[in-house]
Protein backbone atom coordinates (compact mmCIF):
# COMPACT_ATOMS: atom_id res chain seq x y z
CA MET A 1 81.80 37.36 52.39
CA LEU A 2 80.61 34.03 53.16
CA GLU A 3 81.70 31.25 51.11
CA VAL A 4 79.06 28.73 50.14
CA ASN A 5 80.56 25.66 48.76
CA LYS A 6 77.64 23.27 48.71
CA ALA A 7 76.82 21.20 45.67
CA LEU A 8 73.32 21.20 44.38
CA ILE A 9 73.13 17.42 44.26
CA GLU A 10 74.96 15.22 46.68
CA LEU A 11 75.78 11.78 45.49
CA ASN A 12 75.34 9.44 48.39
CA GLY A 13 73.39 6.28 49.27
CA THR A 14 70.01 7.96 49.34
CA MET A 15 70.34 8.81 45.70
CA ALA A 16 70.75 5.14 44.78
CA VAL A 17 67.72 4.25 46.91
CA GLN A 18 65.72 7.00 45.19
CA VAL A 19 66.70 5.72 41.72
CA ILE A 20 65.83 2.12 42.67
CA ASN A 21 62.56 3.35 44.20
CA PHE A 22 61.75 5.23 40.97
CA LEU A 23 62.55 2.20 38.79
CA ILE A 24 60.35 -0.04 40.96
CA LEU A 25 57.55 2.51 40.72
CA VAL A 26 57.90 2.66 36.90
CA TRP A 27 57.93 -1.15 36.71
CA LEU A 28 54.83 -1.43 38.94
CA MET A 29 52.98 1.28 36.99
CA ASN A 30 53.86 -0.44 33.75
CA ARG A 31 52.75 -3.84 35.07
CA LEU A 32 49.63 -2.74 36.93
CA LEU A 33 48.42 0.22 34.89
CA VAL A 34 49.92 0.73 31.46
CA LYS A 35 49.85 -2.89 30.18
CA PRO A 36 46.23 -3.61 31.32
CA ILE A 37 45.00 -0.32 29.87
CA GLY A 38 46.94 -1.10 26.66
CA ARG A 39 45.29 -4.53 26.47
CA VAL A 40 41.83 -3.01 27.00
CA ILE A 41 42.51 -0.41 24.31
CA THR A 42 43.80 -3.10 21.92
CA LYS A 43 40.69 -5.25 22.54
CA ARG A 44 38.43 -2.27 21.98
CA GLU A 45 40.24 -1.35 18.78
CA GLY A 46 39.85 -4.96 17.64
CA ARG A 47 36.12 -4.96 18.39
CA ILE A 48 35.65 -1.60 16.69
CA SER A 49 37.59 -2.86 13.68
CA ASN A 50 35.38 -5.97 13.57
CA TRP A 51 32.27 -3.80 13.81
CA PHE A 52 33.48 -1.72 10.88
CA LYS A 53 34.20 -4.89 8.88
CA GLU A 54 30.74 -6.28 9.73
CA ALA A 55 29.12 -2.97 8.83
CA ALA A 56 30.98 -2.92 5.50
CA SER A 57 29.95 -6.54 4.88
CA HIS A 58 26.30 -5.78 5.71
CA ASN A 59 26.46 -2.69 3.53
CA ALA A 60 27.80 -4.77 0.63
CA GLU A 61 25.08 -7.41 1.19
CA THR A 62 22.41 -4.74 1.37
CA THR A 63 23.68 -3.11 -1.81
CA GLU A 64 23.71 -6.48 -3.58
CA MET A 65 20.19 -7.25 -2.34
CA LEU A 66 19.00 -3.84 -3.52
CA GLU A 67 20.55 -4.40 -6.95
CA ASP A 68 18.92 -7.86 -7.13
CA TYR A 69 15.61 -6.31 -6.12
CA ASN A 70 15.92 -3.63 -8.79
CA ARG A 71 16.83 -6.25 -11.41
CA VAL A 72 13.77 -8.32 -10.44
CA ILE A 73 11.56 -5.22 -10.58
CA GLU A 74 12.90 -4.28 -14.02
CA SER A 75 12.56 -7.85 -15.28
CA THR A 76 9.01 -8.09 -13.97
CA ALA A 77 8.12 -4.74 -15.49
CA ARG A 78 9.47 -5.87 -18.88
CA GLU A 79 7.59 -9.16 -18.58
CA VAL A 80 4.34 -7.41 -17.65
CA SER A 81 4.80 -4.99 -20.53
CA ALA A 82 5.43 -7.86 -22.94
CA ARG A 83 2.35 -9.70 -21.68
CA GLN A 84 0.24 -6.57 -22.00
CA GLU A 85 1.49 -6.10 -25.56
CA GLU A 86 0.66 -9.75 -26.34
CA LYS A 87 -2.83 -9.28 -24.91
CA ARG A 88 -3.29 -6.07 -26.91
CA GLU A 89 -2.25 -7.88 -30.10
CA LYS A 90 -4.58 -10.79 -29.35
CA VAL A 91 -7.48 -8.44 -28.63
CA LYS A 92 -6.65 -6.47 -31.77
CA GLU A 93 -6.64 -9.68 -33.85
CA GLU A 94 -9.89 -10.83 -32.25
CA VAL A 95 -11.54 -7.47 -32.88
CA THR A 96 -10.30 -7.58 -36.47
CA ARG A 97 -11.73 -11.10 -36.89
CA GLU A 98 -15.02 -10.08 -35.30
CA VAL A 99 -15.25 -6.96 -37.45
CA SER A 100 -14.43 -9.01 -40.53
CA ALA A 101 -16.97 -11.70 -39.59
CA THR A 102 -19.59 -9.06 -38.79
CA SER A 103 -18.81 -7.28 -42.04
CA ASP A 104 -19.14 -10.56 -43.94
CA ARG A 105 -22.45 -11.32 -42.21
CA ALA A 106 -23.68 -7.80 -42.93
CA ALA A 107 -22.65 -8.12 -46.58
CA LYS A 108 -24.38 -11.50 -46.75
CA LEU A 109 -27.52 -10.07 -45.16
CA VAL A 110 -27.45 -7.11 -47.56
CA SER A 111 -26.95 -9.48 -50.49
CA GLU A 112 -29.80 -11.71 -49.32
CA ALA A 113 -32.01 -8.66 -48.81
CA GLU A 114 -31.15 -7.44 -52.31
CA GLU A 115 -31.95 -10.87 -53.74
CA ASN A 116 -35.20 -11.03 -51.80
CA LEU A 117 -36.04 -7.51 -52.97
CA LYS A 118 -35.25 -8.41 -56.58
CA ARG A 119 -37.42 -11.52 -56.36
CA GLU A 120 -40.22 -9.54 -54.71
CA VAL A 121 -39.94 -6.80 -57.34
CA ALA A 122 -40.03 -9.43 -60.10
CA ARG A 123 -43.04 -11.16 -58.50
CA VAL A 124 -44.87 -7.85 -58.02
CA ARG A 125 -44.10 -6.84 -61.62
CA GLU A 126 -45.48 -10.13 -62.89
CA GLU A 127 -48.52 -9.70 -60.71
CA LEU A 128 -48.96 -6.11 -61.86
CA ARG A 129 -48.55 -7.14 -65.51
CA GLY A 130 -51.27 -9.73 -65.06
CA GLN A 131 -53.45 -7.16 -63.36
CA ALA A 132 -52.57 -4.53 -65.99
CA ASP A 133 -53.61 -6.89 -68.77
CA HIS A 134 -56.83 -7.66 -66.98
CA LEU A 135 -57.47 -3.95 -66.25
CA ALA A 136 -56.69 -3.07 -69.84
CA ILE A 137 -59.27 -5.60 -71.06
CA GLU A 138 -61.82 -4.25 -68.62
CA VAL A 139 -61.15 -0.65 -69.61
CA VAL A 140 -61.40 -1.49 -73.30
CA SER A 141 -64.64 -3.43 -72.76
CA LYS A 142 -66.17 -0.59 -70.78
CA VAL A 143 -65.06 1.99 -73.32
CA LEU A 144 -66.27 -0.09 -76.25
CA GLY A 145 -69.24 -1.36 -74.39
CA ARG A 146 -68.60 -4.88 -75.34
CA ALA A 147 -66.29 -7.65 -74.37
CA ALA A 148 -62.83 -7.32 -75.81
CA SER A 149 -61.09 -10.33 -77.06
C-alpha cells in the first residue's frame, strides 16, 4: 500500500500572507462598509425616534385642544341654557304682569259697567215711576171721567 503522509494544512509563508490578507480585508470592509452603514442606520433610527416623539407631542397637543374644545362647548351650552332659562323666567313674569294688568283692567271695566248699569237702572226706575204716576192719574181720570187730584 501506498503511504500518504501529507498534512491537510501546511504551515508556511503563504499562510501568514493569507491571514494578513484576510485581516486587511476585514479592516477595509469594516472601514468602508460596516461603519458607514452603521452610521446611516443610527441616523435613521434617530430620525425615526424624533418622528415618534413629534407624533406623540402632536397627539398630546391635539388631545389637549380637543379637551379644551369640549370644555368650551360644554361651557357655552350651559351658558346658553342659563340664558334661555332667564329669558323664559322674564317672559313668564312679563306674561304674569300683563295677565294681572289685563285682569285688573277687565275687573275695572266690569265694575264701571256695573256702576253705569246701576245708575242707568236707577235713572230708568225714576223715570218709570214718574211716568207710572202720570199714567196712573190719567187712567184714574179716564175711568172716573174727571180729573183726579
